[in-house]
C-alpha atoms as a PDB file:
ATOM      1  CA  MET A   1      43.599  65.261 120.859  1.00  0.00           C
ATOM      2  CA  PRO A   2      43.229  68.065 118.365  1.00  0.00           C
ATOM      3  CA  HIS A   3      40.345  69.370 116.938  1.00  0.00           C
ATOM      4  CA  THR A   4      38.428  67.455 114.700  1.00  0.00           C
ATOM      5  CA  ILE A   5      36.135  69.447 112.145  1.00  0.00           C
ATOM      6  CA  ARG A   6      33.089  67.597 111.208  1.00  0.00           C
ATOM      7  CA  PRO A   7      31.676  69.158 107.923  1.00  0.00           C
ATOM      8  CA  ALA A   8      27.794  69.434 106.818  1.00  0.00           C
ATOM      9  CA  LEU A   9      25.714  70.309 103.938  1.00  0.00           C
ATOM     10  CA  LEU A  10      25.108  73.505 105.494  1.00  0.00           C
ATOM     11  CA  ALA A  11      22.598  74.833 102.634  1.00  0.00           C
ATOM     12  CA  THR A  12      21.487  74.522  98.560  1.00  0.00           C
ATOM     13  CA  GLY A  13      19.841  76.347  96.307  1.00  0.00           C
ATOM     14  CA  SER A  14      18.568  75.744  92.719  1.00  0.00           C
ATOM     15  CA  ALA A  15      17.485  77.127  89.241  1.00  0.00           C
ATOM     16  CA  LEU A  16      15.369  76.119  86.123  1.00  0.00           C
ATOM     17  CA  PRO A  17      15.000  77.385  83.032  1.00  0.00           C
ATOM     18  CA  ALA A  18      11.615  79.649  82.408  1.00  0.00           C
ATOM     19  CA  LEU A  19      10.375  77.701  79.387  1.00  0.00           C
ATOM     20  CA  VAL A  20       8.199  74.802  79.842  1.00  0.00           C
ATOM     21  CA  ARG A  21       8.566  71.634  77.410  1.00  0.00           C
ATOM     22  CA  THR A  22       5.837  69.139  76.872  1.00  0.00           C
ATOM     23  CA  ASN A  23       5.109  65.958  75.342  1.00  0.00           C
ATOM     24  CA  ASP A  24       2.521  67.514  72.907  1.00  0.00           C
ATOM     25  CA  ASP A  25       5.846  69.640  71.442  1.00  0.00           C
ATOM     26  CA  PRO A  26       6.878  70.215  67.615  1.00  0.00           C
ATOM     27  CA  VAL A  27      10.249  69.149  68.905  1.00  0.00           C
ATOM     28  CA  PHE A  28       8.706  65.438  69.444  1.00  0.00           C
ATOM     29  CA  ALA A  29       6.738  64.907  66.453  1.00  0.00           C
ATOM     30  CA  TRP A  30       9.377  62.568  64.405  1.00  0.00           C
ATOM     31  CA  LEU A  31       9.570  60.400  67.954  1.00  0.00           C
ATOM     32  CA  ARG A  32       5.596  60.119  67.945  1.00  0.00           C
ATOM     33  CA  GLU A  33       5.319  59.314  64.466  1.00  0.00           C
ATOM     34  CA  HIS A  34       8.057  56.222  64.225  1.00  0.00           C
ATOM     35  CA  THR A  35       8.217  55.196  67.664  1.00  0.00           C
ATOM     36  CA  PRO A  36      11.999  53.984  67.352  1.00  0.00           C
ATOM     37  CA  PRO A  37      13.538  50.993  69.629  1.00  0.00           C
ATOM     38  CA  ASP A  38      14.110  51.627  73.189  1.00  0.00           C
ATOM     39  CA  SER A  39      11.200  53.886  73.437  1.00  0.00           C
ATOM     40  CA  ASP A  40       9.374  51.895  75.979  1.00  0.00           C
ATOM     41  CA  LEU A  41      12.126  53.043  78.292  1.00  0.00           C
ATOM     42  CA  PHE A  42      11.391  56.355  78.764  1.00  0.00           C
ATOM     43  CA  ARG A  43       8.172  56.322  80.125  1.00  0.00           C
ATOM     44  CA  GLY A  44       6.410  58.087  82.297  1.00  0.00           C
ATOM     45  CA  LEU A  45       7.920  62.261  81.523  1.00  0.00           C
ATOM     46  CA  SER A  46       5.329  64.783  81.010  1.00  0.00           C
ATOM     47  CA  GLN A  47       7.209  68.604  81.165  1.00  0.00           C
ATOM     48  CA  ARG A  48      11.014  69.509  81.372  1.00  0.00           C
ATOM     49  CA  ARG A  49      12.724  72.942  81.676  1.00  0.00           C
ATOM     50  CA  VAL A  50      14.668  73.940  78.779  1.00  0.00           C
ATOM     51  CA  LEU A  51      17.134  76.255  78.367  1.00  0.00           C
ATOM     52  CA  GLN A  52      16.429  79.309  75.492  1.00  0.00           C
ATOM     53  CA  ALA A  53      18.196  82.605  74.859  1.00  0.00           C
ATOM     54  CA  PRO A  54      19.540  84.808  76.797  1.00  0.00           C
ATOM     55  CA  GLU A  55      19.040  82.711  79.565  1.00  0.00           C
ATOM     56  CA  THR A  56      22.427  80.348  80.046  1.00  0.00           C
ATOM     57  CA  LEU A  57      24.271  77.439  82.084  1.00  0.00           C
ATOM     58  CA  GLU A  58      26.115  79.421  83.449  1.00  0.00           C
ATOM     59  CA  ASP A  59      23.144  82.295  84.880  1.00  0.00           C
ATOM     60  CA  LEU A  60      21.302  78.962  86.622  1.00  0.00           C
ATOM     61  CA  LEU A  61      24.825  77.841  88.199  1.00  0.00           C
ATOM     62  CA  THR A  62      25.058  81.682  89.455  1.00  0.00           C
ATOM     63  CA  GLN A  63      22.151  81.792  91.061  1.00  0.00           C
ATOM     64  CA  SER A  64      21.896  78.348  92.361  1.00  0.00           C
ATOM     65  CA  CYS A  65      24.967  79.392  94.242  1.00  0.00           C
ATOM     66  CA  ALA A  66      24.117  82.770  95.126  1.00  0.00           C
ATOM     67  CA  GLN A  67      21.233  80.848  96.687  1.00  0.00           C
ATOM     68  CA  ALA A  68      23.311  78.112  98.889  1.00  0.00           C
ATOM     69  CA  LEU A  69      25.366  80.993  99.905  1.00  0.00           C
ATOM     70  CA  ARG A  70      22.814  83.124 101.203  1.00  0.00           C
ATOM     71  CA  ARG A  71      21.091  80.713 102.878  1.00  0.00           C
ATOM     72  CA  GLY A  72      23.876  79.349 104.623  1.00  0.00           C
ATOM     73  CA  GLY A  73      25.219  83.009 105.569  1.00  0.00           C
ATOM     74  CA  VAL A  74      28.281  82.502 104.216  1.00  0.00           C
ATOM     75  CA  ALA A  75      31.039  85.630 102.945  1.00  0.00           C
ATOM     76  CA  LEU A  76      32.857  84.941  99.032  1.00  0.00           C
ATOM     77  CA  ASP A  77      36.309  85.221 100.749  1.00  0.00           C
ATOM     78  CA  GLU A  78      35.459  82.183 102.995  1.00  0.00           C
ATOM     79  CA  VAL A  79      34.845  79.589 100.259  1.00  0.00           C
ATOM     80  CA  ASP A  80      37.923  78.100  99.174  1.00  0.00           C
ATOM     81  CA  LEU A  81      36.379  75.768  96.714  1.00  0.00           C
ATOM     82  CA  LEU A  82      34.311  75.328  93.670  1.00  0.00           C
ATOM     83  CA  VAL A  83      33.545  71.647  92.427  1.00  0.00           C
ATOM     84  CA  GLY A  84      31.534  70.304  90.076  1.00  0.00           C
ATOM     85  CA  SER A  85      30.743  70.664  86.131  1.00  0.00           C
ATOM     86  CA  ALA A  86      28.809  72.522  83.948  1.00  0.00           C
ATOM     87  CA  SER A  87      27.703  70.502  81.045  1.00  0.00           C
ATOM     88  CA  VAL A  88      28.091  70.757  77.860  1.00  0.00           C
ATOM     89  CA  SER A  89      30.078  73.546  78.248  1.00  0.00           C
ATOM     90  CA  PRO A  90      31.036  76.248  75.490  1.00  0.00           C
ATOM     91  CA  TRP A  91      34.520  75.011  75.281  1.00  0.00           C
ATOM     92  CA  VAL A  92      35.934  71.059  75.629  1.00  0.00           C
ATOM     93  CA  ALA A  93      38.581  72.962  77.905  1.00  0.00           C
ATOM     94  CA  PRO A  94      38.030  74.856  80.041  1.00  0.00           C
ATOM     95  CA  ASN A  95      34.709  74.088  81.914  1.00  0.00           C
ATOM     96  CA  ALA A  96      32.639  76.702  82.236  1.00  0.00           C
ATOM     97  CA  LEU A  97      32.399  76.885  86.014  1.00  0.00           C
ATOM     98  CA  ALA A  98      35.028  78.670  85.577  1.00  0.00           C
ATOM     99  CA  VAL A  99      32.294  81.425  84.633  1.00  0.00           C
ATOM    100  CA  VAL A 100      30.536  81.035  87.690  1.00  0.00           C
ATOM    101  CA  HIS A 101      33.852  81.958  89.579  1.00  0.00           C
ATOM    102  CA  GLN A 102      34.083  84.926  88.109  1.00  0.00           C
ATOM    103  CA  ARG A 103      30.046  86.252  88.057  1.00  0.00           C
ATOM    104  CA  LEU A 104      30.093  84.826  91.791  1.00  0.00           C
ATOM    105  CA  GLY A 105      32.960  87.157  92.706  1.00  0.00           C
ATOM    106  CA  LEU A 106      35.462  84.222  94.270  1.00  0.00           C
ATOM    107  CA  GLY A 107      38.261  85.530  95.370  1.00  0.00           C
ATOM    108  CA  ARG A 108      41.556  84.230  93.782  1.00  0.00           C
ATOM    109  CA  HIS A 109      42.866  81.796  96.592  1.00  0.00           C
ATOM    110  CA  CYS A 110      39.419  80.025  95.216  1.00  0.00           C
ATOM    111  CA  ARG A 111      39.895  77.083  93.272  1.00  0.00           C
ATOM    112  CA  VAL A 112      37.638  76.233  90.811  1.00  0.00           C
ATOM    113  CA  LEU A 113      37.534  71.976  90.130  1.00  0.00           C
ATOM    114  CA  PRO A 114      35.488  70.453  87.337  1.00  0.00           C
ATOM    115  CA  LEU A 115      34.436  66.881  87.931  1.00  0.00           C
ATOM    116  CA  ASN A 116      34.243  64.901  84.609  1.00  0.00           C
ATOM    117  CA  SER A 117      32.100  61.892  85.794  1.00  0.00           C
ATOM    118  CA  ASP A 118      28.564  62.339  84.410  1.00  0.00           C
ATOM    119  CA  TYR A 119      26.230  61.768  85.640  1.00  0.00           C
ATOM    120  CA  THR A 120      27.710  62.146  89.291  1.00  0.00           C
ATOM    121  CA  PRO A 121      29.557  65.342  89.580  1.00  0.00           C
ATOM    122  CA  TYR A 122      26.834  66.704  92.467  1.00  0.00           C
ATOM    123  CA  LEU A 123      27.960  62.913  94.610  1.00  0.00           C
ATOM    124  CA  ASP A 124      31.311  63.076  93.955  1.00  0.00           C
ATOM    125  CA  GLY A 125      31.907  66.841  94.289  1.00  0.00           C
ATOM    126  CA  LEU A 126      30.095  66.760  97.941  1.00  0.00           C
ATOM    127  CA  ARG A 127      32.497  63.563  99.089  1.00  0.00           C
ATOM    128  CA  VAL A 128      35.439  66.095  97.600  1.00  0.00           C
ATOM    129  CA  ALA A 129      34.012  68.846  99.846  1.00  0.00           C
ATOM    130  CA  GLN A 130      33.450  67.235 102.875  1.00  0.00           C
ATOM    131  CA  ASP A 131      36.656  65.050 102.570  1.00  0.00           C
ATOM    132  CA  MET A 132      39.040  68.291 102.026  1.00  0.00           C
ATOM    133  CA  VAL A 133      36.445  70.299 104.875  1.00  0.00           C
ATOM    134  CA  ARG A 134      37.076  67.833 107.344  1.00  0.00           C
ATOM    135  CA  CYS A 135      40.838  67.728 106.454  1.00  0.00           C
ATOM    136  CA  GLY A 136      41.479  71.338 107.060  1.00  0.00           C
ATOM    137  CA  THR A 137      42.100  72.204 103.547  1.00  0.00           C
ATOM    138  CA  VAL A 138      39.396  74.271 102.873  1.00  0.00           C
ATOM    139  CA  ARG A 139      36.969  76.212 105.173  1.00  0.00           C
ATOM    140  CA  HIS A 140      34.063  76.312 102.712  1.00  0.00           C
ATOM    141  CA  ALA A 141      33.383  74.444  99.845  1.00  0.00           C
ATOM    142  CA  LEU A 142      30.464  75.503  96.695  1.00  0.00           C
ATOM    143  CA  VAL A 143      29.674  72.046  94.978  1.00  0.00           C
ATOM    144  CA  ALA A 144      27.702  73.271  91.674  1.00  0.00           C
ATOM    145  CA  CYS A 145      26.287  71.253  88.849  1.00  0.00           C
ATOM    146  CA  GLY A 146      24.192  71.975  85.685  1.00  0.00           C
ATOM    147  CA  ASN A 147      23.281  70.584  82.409  1.00  0.00           C
ATOM    148  CA  ASN A 148      22.126  72.161  79.108  1.00  0.00           C
ATOM    149  CA  TRP A 149      21.087  68.412  77.340  1.00  0.00           C
ATOM    150  CA  THR A 150      18.313  69.286  75.725  1.00  0.00           C
ATOM    151  CA  ALA A 151      20.626  70.956  73.013  1.00  0.00           C
ATOM    152  CA  HIS A 152      22.524  67.770  73.133  1.00  0.00           C
ATOM    153  CA  VAL A 153      20.497  65.124  72.009  1.00  0.00           C
ATOM    154  CA  ASP A 154      19.051  63.983  68.559  1.00  0.00           C
ATOM    155  CA  TYR A 155      15.416  64.154  68.480  1.00  0.00           C
ATOM    156  CA  HIS A 156      15.293  61.498  65.996  1.00  0.00           C
ATOM    157  CA  GLU A 157      16.381  59.219  69.044  1.00  0.00           C
ATOM    158  CA  PRO A 158      14.166  58.183  72.174  1.00  0.00           C
ATOM    159  CA  VAL A 159      16.712  59.478  75.187  1.00  0.00           C
ATOM    160  CA  ALA A 160      15.538  63.402  73.532  1.00  0.00           C
ATOM    161  CA  LEU A 161      12.356  62.382  75.977  1.00  0.00           C
ATOM    162  CA  ALA A 162      14.064  62.699  78.707  1.00  0.00           C
ATOM    163  CA  ALA A 163      16.293  65.309  78.636  1.00  0.00           C
ATOM    164  CA  GLY A 164      15.705  68.550  80.932  1.00  0.00           C
ATOM    165  CA  ASP A 165      17.297  71.576  81.726  1.00  0.00           C
ATOM    166  CA  GLY A 166      18.370  72.716  85.094  1.00  0.00           C
ATOM    167  CA  ALA A 167      21.356  73.288  87.572  1.00  0.00           C
ATOM    168  CA  GLY A 168      21.654  72.713  91.582  1.00  0.00           C
ATOM    169  CA  ALA A 169      24.307  73.753  94.206  1.00  0.00           C
ATOM    170  CA  ALA A 170      25.064  72.575  97.935  1.00  0.00           C
ATOM    171  CA  LEU A 171      27.349  74.592 100.374  1.00  0.00           C
ATOM    172  CA  VAL A 172      30.314  72.392 102.736  1.00  0.00           C
ATOM    173  CA  GLY A 173      31.516  73.587 105.657  1.00  0.00           C
ATOM    174  CA  PRO A 174      31.774  73.050 109.241  1.00  0.00           C
ATOM    175  CA  ALA A 175      28.962  71.597 110.971  1.00  0.00           C
ATOM    176  CA  ARG A 176      27.102  74.631 113.044  1.00  0.00           C
ATOM    177  CA  GLN A 177      24.691  73.049 115.113  1.00  0.00           C
ATOM    178  CA  ASN A 178      22.270  69.865 115.344  1.00  0.00           C
ATOM    179  CA  GLY A 179      20.056  68.586 112.854  1.00  0.00           C
ATOM    180  CA  GLN A 180      22.955  69.452 109.998  1.00  0.00           C
ATOM    181  CA  TRP A 181      23.183  66.782 107.541  1.00  0.00           C
ATOM    182  CA  GLU A 182      26.609  64.785 107.541  1.00  0.00           C
ATOM    183  CA  LEU A 183      28.113  62.530 105.797  1.00  0.00           C
ATOM    184  CA  ILE A 184      28.671  59.300 107.287  1.00  0.00           C
ATOM    185  CA  ASP A 185      29.987  56.911 104.457  1.00  0.00           C
ATOM    186  CA  TRP A 186      29.715  55.977 100.438  1.00  0.00           C
ATOM    187  CA  ALA A 187      29.642  52.755  98.202  1.00  0.00           C
ATOM    188  CA  ASN A 188      30.448  52.472  95.120  1.00  0.00           C
ATOM    189  CA  ASP A 189      30.409  50.010  91.829  1.00  0.00           C
ATOM    190  CA  THR A 190      32.085  50.081  88.744  1.00  0.00           C
ATOM    191  CA  GLN A 191      31.661  47.768  85.716  1.00  0.00           C
ATOM    192  CA  THR A 192      33.913  49.581  82.825  1.00  0.00           C
ATOM    193  CA  GLN A 193      32.894  46.795  80.276  1.00  0.00           C
ATOM    194  CA  TRP A 194      29.825  49.074  79.644  1.00  0.00           C
ATOM    195  CA  TYR A 195      32.097  51.716  78.741  1.00  0.00           C
ATOM    196  CA  GLY A 196      30.492  53.638  75.365  1.00  0.00           C
ATOM    197  CA  ALA A 197      26.989  52.052  76.239  1.00  0.00           C
ATOM    198  CA  PHE A 198      26.341  55.823  77.133  1.00  0.00           C
ATOM    199  CA  ARG A 199      27.937  58.744  75.480  1.00  0.00           C
ATOM    200  CA  MET A 200      28.371  62.267  75.039  1.00  0.00           C
ATOM    201  CA  ALA A 201      30.334  63.109  71.808  1.00  0.00           C
ATOM    202  CA  ALA A 202      30.007  65.390  67.923  1.00  0.00           C
ATOM    203  CA  ARG A 203      28.818  63.159  65.274  1.00  0.00           C
ATOM    204  CA  PRO A 204      29.994  63.444  61.226  1.00  0.00           C
ATOM    205  CA  LEU A 205      27.550  65.232  59.227  1.00  0.00           C
ATOM    206  CA  ALA A 206      26.903  63.805  55.562  1.00  0.00           C
ATOM    207  CA  GLY A 207      27.818  66.624  53.622  1.00  0.00           C
ATOM    208  CA  GLY A 208      30.776  67.006  55.944  1.00  0.00           C
ATOM    209  CA  GLY A 209      32.023  68.985  59.231  1.00  0.00           C
ATOM    210  CA  TRP A 210      30.614  67.669  62.887  1.00  0.00           C
ATOM    211  CA  THR A 211      27.573  68.133  65.037  1.00  0.00           C
ATOM    212  CA  THR A 212      27.556  69.807  68.693  1.00  0.00           C
ATOM    213  CA  PRO A 213      28.063  66.870  70.890  1.00  0.00           C
ATOM    214  CA  LEU A 214      25.067  64.641  71.461  1.00  0.00           C
ATOM    215  CA  MET A 215      24.171  62.092  73.755  1.00  0.00           C
ATOM    216  CA  LYS A 216      23.800  58.818  72.679  1.00  0.00           C
ATOM    217  CA  LEU A 217      22.526  55.178  73.872  1.00  0.00           C
ATOM    218  CA  ASP A 218      24.498  52.701  71.729  1.00  0.00           C
ATOM    219  CA  ASP A 219      23.038  50.940  69.142  1.00  0.00           C
ATOM    220  CA  GLN A 220      24.475  47.859  70.490  1.00  0.00           C
ATOM    221  CA  LEU A 221      25.243  47.725  73.944  1.00  0.00           C
ATOM    222  CA  GLY A 222      22.597  50.521  75.035  1.00  0.00           C
ATOM    223  CA  HIS A 223      19.639  48.540  76.051  1.00  0.00           C
ATOM    224  CA  GLN A 224      21.797  45.900  77.294  1.00  0.00           C
ATOM    225  CA  ALA A 225      23.181  48.589  80.135  1.00  0.00           C
ATOM    226  CA  PHE A 226      20.274  50.189  80.841  1.00  0.00           C
ATOM    227  CA  THR A 227      18.494  46.934  81.734  1.00  0.00           C
ATOM    228  CA  GLU A 228      21.086  44.943  83.326  1.00  0.00           C
ATOM    229  CA  TYR A 229      23.108  47.475  84.893  1.00  0.00           C
ATOM    230  CA  GLY A 230      21.112  50.804  85.063  1.00  0.00           C
ATOM    231  CA  LEU A 231      17.989  49.314  86.380  1.00  0.00           C
ATOM    232  CA  LYS A 232      19.634  46.344  88.726  1.00  0.00           C
ATOM    233  CA  VAL A 233      22.929  47.273  90.154  1.00  0.00           C
ATOM    234  CA  PRO A 234      22.300  51.155  91.931  1.00  0.00           C
ATOM    235  CA  PRO A 235      19.397  49.598  94.328  1.00  0.00           C
ATOM    236  CA  GLN A 236      22.344  46.888  95.309  1.00  0.00           C
ATOM    237  CA  VAL A 237      24.800  49.636  95.834  1.00  0.00           C
ATOM    238  CA  VAL A 238      22.328  51.814  98.282  1.00  0.00           C
ATOM    239  CA  LEU A 239      21.356  48.281 100.331  1.00  0.00           C
ATOM    240  CA  SER A 240      24.797  47.525 101.062  1.00  0.00           C
ATOM    241  CA  LEU A 241      25.594  50.579 102.138  1.00  0.00           C
ATOM    242  CA  LEU A 242      22.675  50.725 104.410  1.00  0.00           C
ATOM    243  CA  THR A 243      23.083  46.948 105.617  1.00  0.00           C
ATOM    244  CA  ARG A 244      26.942  48.094 106.442  1.00  0.00           C
ATOM    245  CA  HIS A 245      25.755  50.477 109.047  1.00  0.00           C
ATOM    246  CA  GLY A 246      22.866  48.246 110.322  1.00  0.00           C
ATOM    247  CA  LEU A 247      20.071  50.427 108.550  1.00  0.00           C
ATOM    248  CA  SER A 248      16.632  49.820 107.335  1.00  0.00           C
ATOM    249  CA  ALA A 249      15.517  51.581 104.303  1.00  0.00           C
ATOM    250  CA  SER A 250      12.681  52.391 106.004  1.00  0.00           C
ATOM    251  CA  GLU A 251      14.796  55.025 108.009  1.00  0.00           C
ATOM    252  CA  VAL A 252      15.833  56.835 104.772  1.00  0.00           C
ATOM    253  CA  THR A 253      14.896  59.583 102.498  1.00  0.00           C
ATOM    254  CA  LEU A 254      16.130  58.779  98.871  1.00  0.00           C
ATOM    255  CA  PHE A 255      17.458  60.892  96.118  1.00  0.00           C
ATOM    256  CA  THR A 256      18.705  59.144  92.636  1.00  0.00           C
ATOM    257  CA  HIS A 257      19.613  60.755  89.347  1.00  0.00           C
ATOM    258  CA  GLN A 258      16.274  60.390  87.360  1.00  0.00           C
ATOM    259  CA  THR A 259      15.504  59.164  83.588  1.00  0.00           C
ATOM    260  CA  SER A 260      12.122  57.451  83.227  1.00  0.00           C
ATOM    261  CA  GLU A 261       9.331  56.124  85.162  1.00  0.00           C
ATOM    262  CA  VAL A 262      10.842  52.650  84.196  1.00  0.00           C
ATOM    263  CA  VAL A 263      13.931  53.377  85.959  1.00  0.00           C
ATOM    264  CA  GLN A 264      12.161  54.981  88.933  1.00  0.00           C
ATOM    265  CA  GLN A 265       9.616  52.091  89.496  1.00  0.00           C
ATOM    266  CA  ALA A 266      12.386  49.701  89.608  1.00  0.00           C
ATOM    267  CA  TRP A 267      14.701  51.635  91.976  1.00  0.00           C
ATOM    268  CA  GLU A 268      11.839  52.176  94.418  1.00  0.00           C
ATOM    269  CA  GLN A 269      10.727  48.518  94.503  1.00  0.00           C
ATOM    270  CA  ALA A 270      13.969  47.225  94.988  1.00  0.00           C
ATOM    271  CA  ILE A 271      14.884  49.791  97.775  1.00  0.00           C
ATOM    272  CA  ALA A 272      11.583  50.171  99.499  1.00  0.00           C
ATOM    273  CA  PRO A 273      12.808  53.312 100.723  1.00  0.00           C
ATOM    274  CA  ALA A 274      10.355  55.855 103.494  1.00  0.00           C
ATOM    275  CA  ARG A 275      10.570  58.172 100.780  1.00  0.00           C
ATOM    276  CA  TYR A 276      11.468  58.640  97.456  1.00  0.00           C
ATOM    277  CA  PRO A 277      10.797  62.387  96.116  1.00  0.00           C
ATOM    278  CA  HIS A 278      11.397  62.946  92.431  1.00  0.00           C
ATOM    279  CA  THR A 279      10.489  65.526  90.136  1.00  0.00           C
ATOM    280  CA  LEU A 280      10.314  63.429  86.788  1.00  0.00           C
ATOM    281  CA  LYS A 281       7.294  64.462  85.497  1.00  0.00           C
ATOM    282  CA  ALA A 282       7.739  67.506  86.111  1.00  0.00           C
ATOM    283  CA  TYR A 283      11.575  68.577  85.058  1.00  0.00           C
ATOM    284  CA  GLY A 284      12.563  65.065  83.478  1.00  0.00           C
ATOM    285  CA  ASP A 285      16.062  64.001  83.477  1.00  0.00           C
ATOM    286  CA  MET A 286      18.313  66.725  84.348  1.00  0.00           C
ATOM    287  CA  VAL A 287      21.578  64.514  84.234  1.00  0.00           C
ATOM    288  CA  SER A 288      23.666  65.522  86.579  1.00  0.00           C
ATOM    289  CA  SER A 289      21.584  68.152  87.866  1.00  0.00           C
ATOM    290  CA  SER A 290      18.639  65.898  89.495  1.00  0.00           C
ATOM    291  CA  VAL A 291      20.144  65.000  92.524  1.00  0.00           C
ATOM    292  CA  ALA A 292      20.618  68.565  93.498  1.00  0.00           C
ATOM    293  CA  VAL A 293      17.509  70.217  92.277  1.00  0.00           C
ATOM    294  CA  ASN A 294      15.541  67.866  93.874  1.00  0.00           C
ATOM    295  CA  LEU A 295      17.527  67.807  97.511  1.00  0.00           C
ATOM    296  CA  ASP A 296      16.820  71.723  96.957  1.00  0.00           C
ATOM    297  CA  HIS A 297      13.246  71.129  96.018  1.00  0.00           C
ATOM    298  CA  PHE A 298      12.392  68.957  98.907  1.00  0.00           C
ATOM    299  CA  TRP A 299      14.896  69.929 101.548  1.00  0.00           C
ATOM    300  CA  SER A 300      12.509  71.466 104.501  1.00  0.00           C
ATOM    301  CA  GLU A 301      10.355  68.059 103.849  1.00  0.00           C
ATOM    302  CA  ILE A 302      12.892  65.604 104.558  1.00  0.00           C
ATOM    303  CA  ARG A 303      11.848  64.306 108.079  1.00  0.00           C
ATOM    304  CA  THR A 304      14.126  60.645 108.058  1.00  0.00           C
ATOM    305  CA  PRO A 305      17.087  60.127 110.386  1.00  0.00           C
ATOM    306  CA  HIS A 306      18.973  59.161 107.276  1.00  0.00           C
ATOM    307  CA  LEU A 307      19.337  60.515 103.879  1.00  0.00           C
ATOM    308  CA  VAL A 308      20.637  58.450 101.264  1.00  0.00           C
ATOM    309  CA  LEU A 309      21.666  60.677  97.665  1.00  0.00           C
ATOM    310  CA  MET A 310      22.369  57.931  94.680  1.00  0.00           C
ATOM    311  CA  GLY A 311      23.176  58.645  90.989  1.00  0.00           C
ATOM    312  CA  VAL A 312      24.401  56.286  87.891  1.00  0.00           C
ATOM    313  CA  GLY A 313      27.527  57.293  85.648  1.00  0.00           C
ATOM    314  CA  MET A 314      28.201  56.647  81.915  1.00  0.00           C
ATOM    315  CA  GLU A 315      31.264  54.388  82.244  1.00  0.00           C
ATOM    316  CA  MET A 316      29.700  52.800  84.229  1.00  0.00           C
ATOM    317  CA  HIS A 317      29.202  53.338  87.946  1.00  0.00           C
ATOM    318  CA  ALA A 318      26.776  54.103  90.752  1.00  0.00           C
ATOM    319  CA  THR A 319      27.369  55.788  93.351  1.00  0.00           C
ATOM    320  CA  ALA A 320      25.820  56.413  96.710  1.00  0.00           C
ATOM    321  CA  LEU A 321      26.076  58.708  99.800  1.00  0.00           C
ATOM    322  CA  LEU A 322      24.826  57.905 103.310  1.00  0.00           C
ATOM    323  CA  LEU A 323      24.074  61.225 105.206  1.00  0.00           C
ATOM    324  CA  THR A 324      22.811  61.936 108.854  1.00  0.00           C
ATOM    325  CA  ARG A 325      21.218  64.555 111.151  1.00  0.00           C
ATOM    326  CA  ARG A 326      24.016  65.504 113.174  1.00  0.00           C
ATOM    327  CA  HIS A 327      23.314  65.027 117.323  1.00  0.00           C
END
């Protein structure tokens, strides 16, 4: 029989901006004074990291990838794929992930594959990378996601309370030893009737022209999508995935997208994992980068035999990956 490649997560990396923004920052003054509708959805936030010039999103992504490569002991010419997202990039296209390719010094053979699936390109990228390694299409892949959404929210809207910047990366390649994390399965739920409830788009200015792209929780659908889909559906996706493999949540460490205390508590109560590490109070909502940063942050502390990564996307969709330690 032909040799079967068993892909694994070989290493991770992450990077955060130096600037720390707390709840008493002047940028939140209007929100503190007016408490607009839906403010109650964004509780439990204390600090966030914020990109400030000359530091850039491309800097964070490059640092994350370099760290993962160094820890994984893989040479640049052995990487055939860079997949993920830099959001929000300076241009609509191409994605700034191309800048990371150049700064790292990756070879011309290495494909840059941006994914436009906020908030889940890290999870989607891990799935794509592991499938491509398994079938021999690529030798090693870097999965990288970074976000700078503190510059892409309106500070008269409660969603701005959650925004934090950061970047994370993972190196995927053939498993080398026992104890490494292998992707076993994934589950998904997509309900596109919520399309537009969460979105990123430029807005017209009263005097003419347009704003930078801004995150928007829709005035009509946003609250309902948050409470009916965002709070309830993702845990069902995780539990169905575990049931399919005869696993209990008590055997799992869970890493998820992080938005607010309201969301974290609802998910933890519904799933009841053995451990649920997150950095909500310290780093806020790092959008697509939350799972990547937290997985790296707590990498050496995971003691359970199984790992679940879960995220929610803006279409809306919920996605969960099940990984287990290689034996």
